[in-house]
Amino acid sequence: MPLTPESQSTIALVVRQNTAGIEEPVASVVAFLQKAGHRVVFELDTAAHLGMPGIESMTVPEIGEQAQLAIVMGGDGTMLGIARQLAKYDLALIGINLGRLGFITDIPVERMLPALGEILQGKATAEKRTLLEGRVMRGGEMIFCGVAVNDVVVARGSGAGMAELRVTVDGHFMYNQRSDGLIVSTPTGSTAYALSAGGPLLHPSLQGIVLVPIAPHALSNRPIAIPDTSEIVVEIVSGRDISVNFDMQTFASLQHGDEIFISRSPNTITFLHPEGWSYYHTLREKLHWHEYPSNDGKLK
């Protein structure tokens, strides 16, 4: 159904900070939305950074409770940060790419107004993505918890030797792994760190979790995809300066004997794309699958 002013009255804007020349495209989006009859609000940090008068500001919880849509202008990191916070509110997200890759902030800035117009008229493809949640247990007590859109990564420090991790899935022992660390990834994260570490691509609609070792000592220790109904437990057996991070944005330092319990979050996030959007088109564009070397060795 079209997102008319009556059904879609409050739209929040979340904008990446410290981006040169961002004021002009933001002003264009604000004017476009207001002309369509929508109430536009800025996320609190966005409002403080932009300093554009006349636009209301809201905290993230207020956006979750009052807005019907959030538009994120930035890179994938900006989207990851706000998506984790808004997941429990079931608020649809639109991503306008001001970064480099733009796997999940997929609308190019030069097409943002036509794309927003299509989506607001109901010509949209809605796509749900799963998240992971993790709890760090120490001596039977939870000392940290976090949510990840892309991945939960247990890894050694840059100056430390290998880490030894004991991994179980649904109570079944999988392996003791000596490596630089372990990536536990959603399908969304399969195009991120997990991909660079040799993991497989998972279509976002697949109900799976990927475990990808980082530089394992045993070359036979390979990535594995498991059902997203699984509970994964990673125990720190040995190693120095080991930490766990969620989407590379929140961290906790770990000790020997700590356990990280990782499972699918009960919440999901919904991305809205222009009608006709294709995941395969995104892969071709971002991974350059459509380009071929020319005679001078450059991609064309």
Protein backbone atom coordinates (compact mmCIF):
# COMPACT_ATOMS: atom_id res chain seq x y z
CA MET A 1 0.00 0.00 0.00
CA PRO A 2 1.31 3.52 -0.73
CA LEU A 3 3.01 5.27 2.19
CA THR A 4 0.70 8.29 2.24
CA PRO A 5 1.06 11.11 4.78
CA GLU A 6 -1.82 9.60 6.73
CA SER A 7 -0.23 6.16 7.01
CA GLN A 8 3.40 7.27 7.11
CA SER A 9 3.40 10.58 8.94
CA THR A 10 6.74 10.56 10.79
CA ILE A 11 10.02 9.79 9.02
CA ALA A 12 13.34 9.91 10.85
CA LEU A 13 16.67 10.77 9.26
CA VAL A 14 19.92 9.30 10.57
CA VAL A 15 22.99 10.80 8.90
CA ARG A 16 26.64 9.81 9.11
CA GLN A 17 28.73 12.42 10.85
CA ASN A 18 31.84 14.14 9.48
CA THR A 19 30.83 13.77 5.84
CA ALA A 20 31.89 16.69 3.65
CA GLY A 21 29.06 18.31 1.70
CA ILE A 22 26.34 16.29 3.42
CA GLU A 23 24.13 19.32 4.13
CA GLU A 24 22.93 19.69 0.55
CA PRO A 25 21.65 16.12 0.02
CA VAL A 26 20.11 16.11 3.50
CA ALA A 27 18.30 19.38 2.78
CA SER A 28 17.04 17.88 -0.51
CA VAL A 29 15.63 14.83 1.27
CA VAL A 30 14.00 16.95 3.98
CA ALA A 31 12.37 19.25 1.43
CA PHE A 32 11.18 16.29 -0.66
CA LEU A 33 9.59 14.55 2.33
CA GLN A 34 7.99 17.70 3.71
CA LYS A 35 6.54 18.55 0.30
CA ALA A 36 4.97 15.06 0.29
CA GLY A 37 3.27 15.93 3.60
CA HIS A 38 5.45 13.98 6.00
CA ARG A 39 6.75 15.01 9.39
CA VAL A 40 10.55 14.83 9.31
CA VAL A 41 12.66 14.41 12.44
CA PHE A 42 16.40 14.05 12.99
CA GLU A 43 18.02 11.48 15.23
CA LEU A 44 19.53 13.38 18.18
CA ASP A 45 23.22 13.06 17.21
CA THR A 46 22.37 13.87 13.60
CA ALA A 47 20.60 17.06 14.68
CA ALA A 48 23.54 18.14 16.86
CA HIS A 49 26.04 17.50 14.07
CA LEU A 50 24.12 19.13 11.22
CA GLY A 51 22.82 22.15 13.09
CA MET A 52 19.91 22.61 10.66
CA PRO A 53 17.25 24.72 12.40
CA GLY A 54 13.54 24.03 12.24
CA ILE A 55 13.70 20.22 12.30
CA GLU A 56 12.62 18.30 15.40
CA SER A 57 15.08 15.88 16.99
CA MET A 58 14.39 12.58 18.74
CA THR A 59 16.35 9.98 20.65
CA VAL A 60 16.59 6.51 19.13
CA PRO A 61 13.92 5.09 21.50
CA GLU A 62 11.60 7.98 20.61
CA ILE A 63 12.14 7.27 16.91
CA GLY A 64 11.37 3.61 17.50
CA GLU A 65 8.15 4.44 19.30
CA GLN A 66 6.88 7.32 17.16
CA ALA A 67 8.28 7.02 13.62
CA GLN A 68 7.02 4.70 10.92
CA LEU A 69 10.17 4.79 8.80
CA ALA A 70 13.86 5.67 9.16
CA ILE A 71 16.10 6.82 6.32
CA VAL A 72 19.81 6.25 6.88
CA MET A 73 22.24 8.40 4.90
CA GLY A 74 25.77 7.09 5.19
CA GLY A 75 27.68 3.86 4.75
CA ASP A 76 26.99 0.33 5.92
CA GLY A 77 28.58 1.12 9.29
CA THR A 78 26.03 3.87 9.91
CA MET A 79 23.23 1.45 9.02
CA LEU A 80 24.62 -1.30 11.26
CA GLY A 81 24.81 1.02 14.25
CA ILE A 82 21.24 2.29 14.02
CA ALA A 83 19.71 -1.02 12.87
CA ARG A 84 20.86 -2.78 16.04
CA GLN A 85 19.25 -0.08 18.17
CA LEU A 86 15.97 -0.01 16.25
CA ALA A 87 15.55 -3.77 15.73
CA LYS A 88 13.25 -4.25 18.71
CA TYR A 89 10.86 -1.59 17.39
CA ASP A 90 10.23 -3.30 14.02
CA LEU A 91 10.83 -0.04 12.14
CA ALA A 92 11.48 -0.23 8.40
CA LEU A 93 14.81 1.20 7.18
CA ILE A 94 15.92 2.75 3.88
CA GLY A 95 19.62 3.11 3.14
CA ILE A 96 21.12 5.90 0.99
CA ASN A 97 24.76 5.18 0.23
CA LEU A 98 27.31 7.86 1.12
CA GLY A 99 30.03 5.33 1.86
CA ARG A 100 32.13 2.98 -0.27
CA LEU A 101 30.58 -0.47 -0.76
CA GLY A 102 26.96 0.02 0.24
CA PHE A 103 25.71 -3.55 0.51
CA ILE A 104 22.86 -2.53 2.83
CA THR A 105 22.82 1.24 2.19
CA ASP A 106 22.15 0.43 -1.43
CA ILE A 107 20.43 3.49 -2.95
CA PRO A 108 22.98 5.75 -4.71
CA VAL A 109 22.76 9.40 -3.69
CA GLU A 110 22.15 10.50 -7.30
CA ARG A 111 18.99 8.35 -7.38
CA MET A 112 17.78 8.99 -3.85
CA LEU A 113 14.80 11.25 -4.58
CA PRO A 114 13.26 9.11 -7.36
CA ALA A 115 13.87 5.99 -5.26
CA LEU A 116 12.27 7.54 -2.17
CA GLY A 117 9.32 8.63 -4.30
CA GLU A 118 8.78 5.08 -5.51
CA ILE A 119 9.02 3.62 -2.02
CA LEU A 120 6.67 6.19 -0.51
CA GLN A 121 4.13 5.36 -3.21
CA GLY A 122 4.26 1.71 -2.17
CA LYS A 123 6.47 0.58 -5.06
CA ALA A 124 8.87 -1.13 -2.70
CA THR A 125 10.47 -4.48 -2.00
CA ALA A 126 10.52 -5.30 1.72
CA GLU A 127 13.28 -7.58 2.93
CA LYS A 128 13.71 -9.00 6.43
CA ARG A 129 17.17 -9.73 7.86
CA THR A 130 18.02 -11.81 10.90
CA LEU A 131 20.33 -10.69 13.71
CA LEU A 132 22.51 -12.45 16.25
CA GLU A 133 22.67 -11.85 19.96
CA GLY A 134 25.51 -12.84 22.24
CA ARG A 135 26.05 -13.11 25.98
CA VAL A 136 29.47 -13.25 27.62
CA MET A 137 29.39 -15.47 30.72
CA ARG A 138 32.11 -15.44 33.38
CA GLY A 139 31.80 -17.67 36.40
CA GLY A 140 28.08 -18.18 35.75
CA GLU A 141 27.33 -14.45 35.50
CA MET A 142 26.63 -12.41 32.39
CA ILE A 143 29.19 -9.61 32.08
CA PHE A 144 28.29 -8.34 28.61
CA CYS A 145 25.63 -8.73 25.95
CA GLY A 146 25.28 -7.42 22.43
CA VAL A 147 23.41 -7.66 19.15
CA ALA A 148 24.91 -7.97 15.67
CA VAL A 149 23.50 -7.44 12.20
CA ASN A 150 26.65 -8.74 10.49
CA ASP A 151 28.70 -10.84 12.86
CA VAL A 152 30.02 -11.70 16.28
CA VAL A 153 33.82 -12.00 16.15
CA VAL A 154 36.07 -13.55 18.79
CA ALA A 155 39.68 -12.62 18.01
CA ARG A 156 43.14 -12.24 19.46
CA GLY A 157 44.93 -8.91 19.85
CA SER A 158 47.29 -7.70 17.14
CA GLY A 159 50.44 -8.43 19.15
CA ALA A 160 49.29 -11.73 20.67
CA GLY A 161 49.81 -15.33 19.56
CA MET A 162 47.09 -17.73 18.48
CA ALA A 163 43.92 -18.15 20.49
CA GLU A 164 42.53 -21.55 21.37
CA LEU A 165 38.75 -21.69 21.27
CA ARG A 166 36.45 -24.56 22.24
CA VAL A 167 33.28 -24.50 20.14
CA THR A 168 30.03 -26.37 20.80
CA VAL A 169 26.77 -26.23 18.84
CA ASP A 170 23.52 -27.16 20.59
CA GLY A 171 25.51 -28.86 23.31
CA HIS A 172 27.54 -30.96 20.85
CA PHE A 173 31.31 -30.50 20.86
CA MET A 174 32.49 -29.29 17.43
CA TYR A 175 36.23 -28.62 17.81
CA ASN A 176 39.07 -27.02 19.69
CA GLN A 177 40.40 -24.48 17.25
CA ARG A 178 43.76 -22.70 17.30
CA SER A 179 43.56 -19.62 15.11
CA ASP A 180 43.50 -15.84 15.07
CA GLY A 181 39.82 -16.04 15.92
CA LEU A 182 36.33 -17.05 14.81
CA ILE A 183 33.64 -15.16 12.90
CA VAL A 184 30.01 -16.10 13.59
CA SER A 185 28.03 -14.46 10.80
CA THR A 186 24.47 -13.86 9.67
CA PRO A 187 23.63 -14.08 5.95
CA THR A 188 23.89 -10.27 5.91
CA GLY A 189 27.41 -10.49 7.29
CA SER A 190 28.43 -13.13 4.76
CA THR A 191 29.42 -10.31 2.38
CA ALA A 192 31.52 -8.59 5.07
CA TYR A 193 34.42 -9.85 7.24
CA ALA A 194 33.36 -13.49 6.79
CA LEU A 195 33.79 -13.17 3.03
CA SER A 196 37.31 -11.76 3.35
CA ALA A 197 38.20 -14.69 5.63
CA GLY A 198 37.09 -17.23 3.01
CA GLY A 199 33.49 -17.81 4.06
CA PRO A 200 30.60 -18.52 1.69
CA LEU A 201 27.95 -16.08 0.52
CA LEU A 202 24.53 -16.78 2.04
CA HIS A 203 21.40 -15.35 0.44
CA PRO A 204 19.63 -13.15 3.02
CA SER A 205 16.52 -15.36 2.94
CA LEU A 206 18.48 -18.44 4.06
CA GLN A 207 17.98 -19.39 7.69
CA GLY A 208 21.60 -20.04 8.48
CA ILE A 209 24.61 -18.96 10.51
CA VAL A 210 28.17 -19.28 9.22
CA LEU A 211 31.19 -20.10 11.38
CA VAL A 212 34.39 -18.91 9.69
CA PRO A 213 37.83 -19.48 11.30
CA ILE A 214 40.33 -16.64 10.95
CA ALA A 215 43.72 -17.99 9.81
CA PRO A 216 43.30 -21.42 11.45
CA HIS A 217 46.39 -23.40 12.42
CA ALA A 218 44.84 -26.57 10.95
CA LEU A 219 44.19 -25.96 7.26
CA SER A 220 41.40 -28.56 7.38
CA ASN A 221 39.41 -26.28 9.69
CA ARG A 222 36.94 -24.87 7.18
CA PRO A 223 33.87 -22.58 7.30
CA ILE A 224 30.59 -24.31 8.10
CA ALA A 225 26.97 -23.19 7.73
CA ILE A 226 24.55 -24.34 10.43
CA PRO A 227 20.83 -23.75 11.08
CA ASP A 228 20.00 -20.39 12.63
CA THR A 229 18.04 -22.23 15.32
CA SER A 230 21.40 -23.31 16.78
CA GLU A 231 23.03 -22.05 19.94
CA ILE A 232 26.79 -21.66 19.59
CA VAL A 233 29.07 -21.53 22.63
CA VAL A 234 32.64 -20.32 22.22
CA GLU A 235 34.89 -20.89 25.25
CA ILE A 236 38.25 -19.16 25.62
CA VAL A 237 40.76 -21.92 26.37
CA SER A 238 44.03 -20.01 25.95
CA GLY A 239 45.52 -16.94 24.35
CA ARG A 240 46.23 -13.30 25.18
CA ASP A 241 44.36 -10.05 24.53
CA ILE A 242 41.25 -11.83 23.26
CA SER A 243 38.07 -9.83 22.73
CA VAL A 244 34.59 -10.27 21.30
CA ASN A 245 33.03 -7.64 19.11
CA PHE A 246 29.60 -7.13 17.60
CA ASP A 247 29.67 -5.66 14.07
CA MET A 248 33.12 -4.28 14.96
CA GLN A 249 31.35 -1.57 16.94
CA THR A 250 30.93 -2.86 20.51
CA PHE A 251 33.62 -4.79 22.35
CA ALA A 252 34.29 -6.80 25.49
CA SER A 253 37.67 -8.06 26.74
CA LEU A 254 37.78 -11.76 27.56
CA GLN A 255 39.57 -14.03 30.01
CA HIS A 256 40.37 -17.73 29.97
CA GLY A 257 37.23 -19.70 30.81
CA ASP A 258 34.84 -17.04 29.52
CA GLU A 259 32.03 -18.38 27.35
CA ILE A 260 30.17 -16.52 24.61
CA PHE A 261 26.65 -17.84 23.97
CA ILE A 262 25.52 -16.85 20.46
CA SER A 263 22.08 -17.40 18.95
CA ARG A 264 19.60 -15.82 16.56
CA SER A 265 17.93 -12.72 17.96
CA PRO A 266 14.13 -12.79 18.30
CA ASN A 267 14.12 -9.43 16.48
CA THR A 268 14.60 -8.81 12.77
CA ILE A 269 15.23 -5.71 10.70
CA THR A 270 13.33 -4.75 7.55
CA PHE A 271 14.98 -2.97 4.65
CA LEU A 272 12.87 -1.24 2.00
CA HIS A 273 14.25 -1.19 -1.54
CA PRO A 274 12.84 0.32 -4.74
CA GLU A 275 10.61 -2.03 -6.69
CA GLY A 276 12.63 -4.43 -8.82
CA TRP A 277 15.60 -4.48 -6.43
CA SER A 278 17.67 -7.66 -6.73
CA TYR A 279 20.22 -9.12 -4.31
CA TYR A 280 22.05 -10.61 -7.28
CA HIS A 281 22.32 -7.20 -8.93
CA THR A 282 23.85 -5.89 -5.70
CA LEU A 283 26.41 -8.71 -5.70
CA ARG A 284 27.30 -8.08 -9.35
CA GLU A 285 27.74 -4.38 -8.74
CA LYS A 286 29.58 -4.46 -5.41
CA LEU A 287 31.77 -7.50 -6.13
CA HIS A 288 32.40 -6.45 -9.76
CA TRP A 289 31.10 -9.71 -11.18
CA HIS A 290 30.05 -7.87 -14.33
CA GLU A 291 33.51 -6.49 -15.10
CA TYR A 292 36.23 -8.07 -17.24
CA PRO A 293 39.93 -7.22 -17.59
CA SER A 294 40.83 -5.19 -20.65
CA ASN A 295 44.09 -5.55 -22.55
CA ASP A 296 45.84 -3.16 -20.15
CA GLY A 297 44.77 -5.27 -17.15
CA LYS A 298 42.24 -2.76 -15.84
CA LEU A 299 38.63 -3.68 -15.13
CA LYS A 300 36.03 -2.36 -17.52
